[in-house]
Amino acid sequence: MTSVRVWLRLGLLLYAAGLSLCAAVDTTCEFYDNSECENQENCNSTSRFVMCKDEQQQEEGKRSHCYALWKNESNVITLVKKGCWLDDNDCYDKSECYEHDEAPEKGMFYCCCEGNLCNQHFDHLPIPQPDRSTAETPRTVPVDNSKELFRSLMYSLFPICGIALVVAVTFYMYKRHKSEHIQIPTQDPLPPPPSPLLGLRPLQLLEVKARGRFGAVWKAQLLNEYVAVKIFPLQDKASWLNEQDIFTTQLMKHDNLLQFIAVEKRGDGLEMELWLITAFHERGSLTDYLKGHLLKWSEMCHIAETMARGLAYLHDDVMGRNGEYKPAIAHRDFKSKNVLLKQDLTVVVADFGLAMKFDPGRSCGDTHGQVGTRRYMAPEVLEGAINFNRDAFLRIDMYAFGLVLWEIVSRCSAVDGPVDEYQLPFEEEIGQHPTLEDMQEVVVHKKMRPQFRETWLKHQGLEILCETIEECWDHDAEARLSAGCVEERLGQLSRTVNITTSNTVDITTNQQTPPKESSL
């Protein structure tokens, strides 16, 4: 008996050691991407082996899997992608890559498996459905015992069901009472399990990056690349539709506008979510970047110029070579939070939930003018005395642009002396949460604007920039600069101003700053 116990303990130790050894081995998958060989004659040359190891996603207890995605058109199989996939319950303990769906949509097949190079071979093995006429056999219940059995079941189940019902009602009332009397927690919820397919491509939400007026923005993974997913609740469907309409306008693809990928509806009824999928930028918004970074002169000029270029393209009427046409578009909620930064600090303008197109021959209708973020509202918006025409809305954007330009200058390290901590426009005058009445008092009645520091005006390059800012936020809307004019000025300023190591400024004299003008 003692020897049996010894052998059992030894077996358990060997089994645990085997599990530890297996957990330490990284999964290797075959990688293939059909898009990499579109211009090559031999597509098989792109196939290779990769080790599934991503330090940003690999967590304790998570598993790595392999997957394959292929087409079957008229019995002709075309491989689309192979590679690694994150922890997915549907892939657990599958040593072979098989698609079991009888007829996948659009002839696209997808399978996943677990184990080294398990996706080298893949196949379609539908699970046959049993014939109901032959599978079901009649049951015979003794007539004499049926009533007694039913009576016994009722006596057994009735008390259990009654107790379960009481517990359920009590829990529901407790949750309802608690939700009415406590504040909504600010901690982000845990990420959900892997999402359904996006056009037969696996899309997985990873983490919440931002929350705004119209919903949350998630970082997600679409196959081997990161994307941003903006999730709107059903009550904000109008904003979701408006962003979709703006993004799908002809000629909206531009280096300084956020790249659009797709839209989707998830869920049913009142629980429906509206998804907007766009390009993902790790640096986040200009607001967040300025909070933690100072800007060199060259960086400040690059951010300001590309920001002006993006807004100028949005404001312009653009005619394509093949007859495509993009009308002028007003953003109507321009602020540093809606300005995103690429890795090289190039700006992309985002968030078109309130944007408005100005198609030729169409009036603005009864569009409400007092929209946007209070802190960035122009004087005419705060007064409610807005003329509903194209030029008026574009000039409102330029007022907000001047405030964002002030934020950028406030964090420039080219000045002599210390640089102030980041502040929002008017934060020094009226704090972080101004009311509409606060903004009307400061901007409309007192005609105040964020202050220029004395050190900025002693720096020749920043002095020119401050003059441009003043012409953007002019109280007289018709006197404001256009986005195209600001883009030209900032481009010339970055080319003609040379900052030496001692922070002195040399400005070439063979070029002049563009005059104050408005093309609106």
Foldseek 3Di string as FASTA:
>chain_A
DVVVVVVVVVVVVVVVVVVVVVVVDWAKEWWAAQVVDPPPPDRVVRIDIDTPDDPVPDDPPKAKKKKWKWFQDVNDIGTHTIDIDTGDPQAPPFQAWEFADPQDPPRMTMTMYHHHHRDVDYYYHHDDDDDPVPPDDDDDDDPVCPVVVVVVVCVVCVVVVVVVVVVVVVVVVVVVVVVVPDDDDPDDDDFDHWDDDDVNWTKGFDAWDDADDFATWTWIDTPHAIKIKGKGAPVLVLLLVQQVVQQPAPPLDDPQAWAFDDWDWDDDDNRIIIITITHDAPCAFQQVNLQPDFDEPLLLLQLLLLNLVQQQVQQDWDADPVGGTAARKFQLADARNQWTAHPSRRIHGHRRSPMDGDDPPDFQPPDQNLDYDLLLFALCSLVSNFDRDSLRRQLSNLLSSLQRSVQSVQRYPLFPDDGDRGDHWCCVPANDDDDSVRSNVACPVVVDTGDDDPRLCVAVLSVVVNVLSCLSRPNPSQQHAGSVLSSVQSVQSSVQWDQDPVSHIDGDDPDDRDDRDHPD
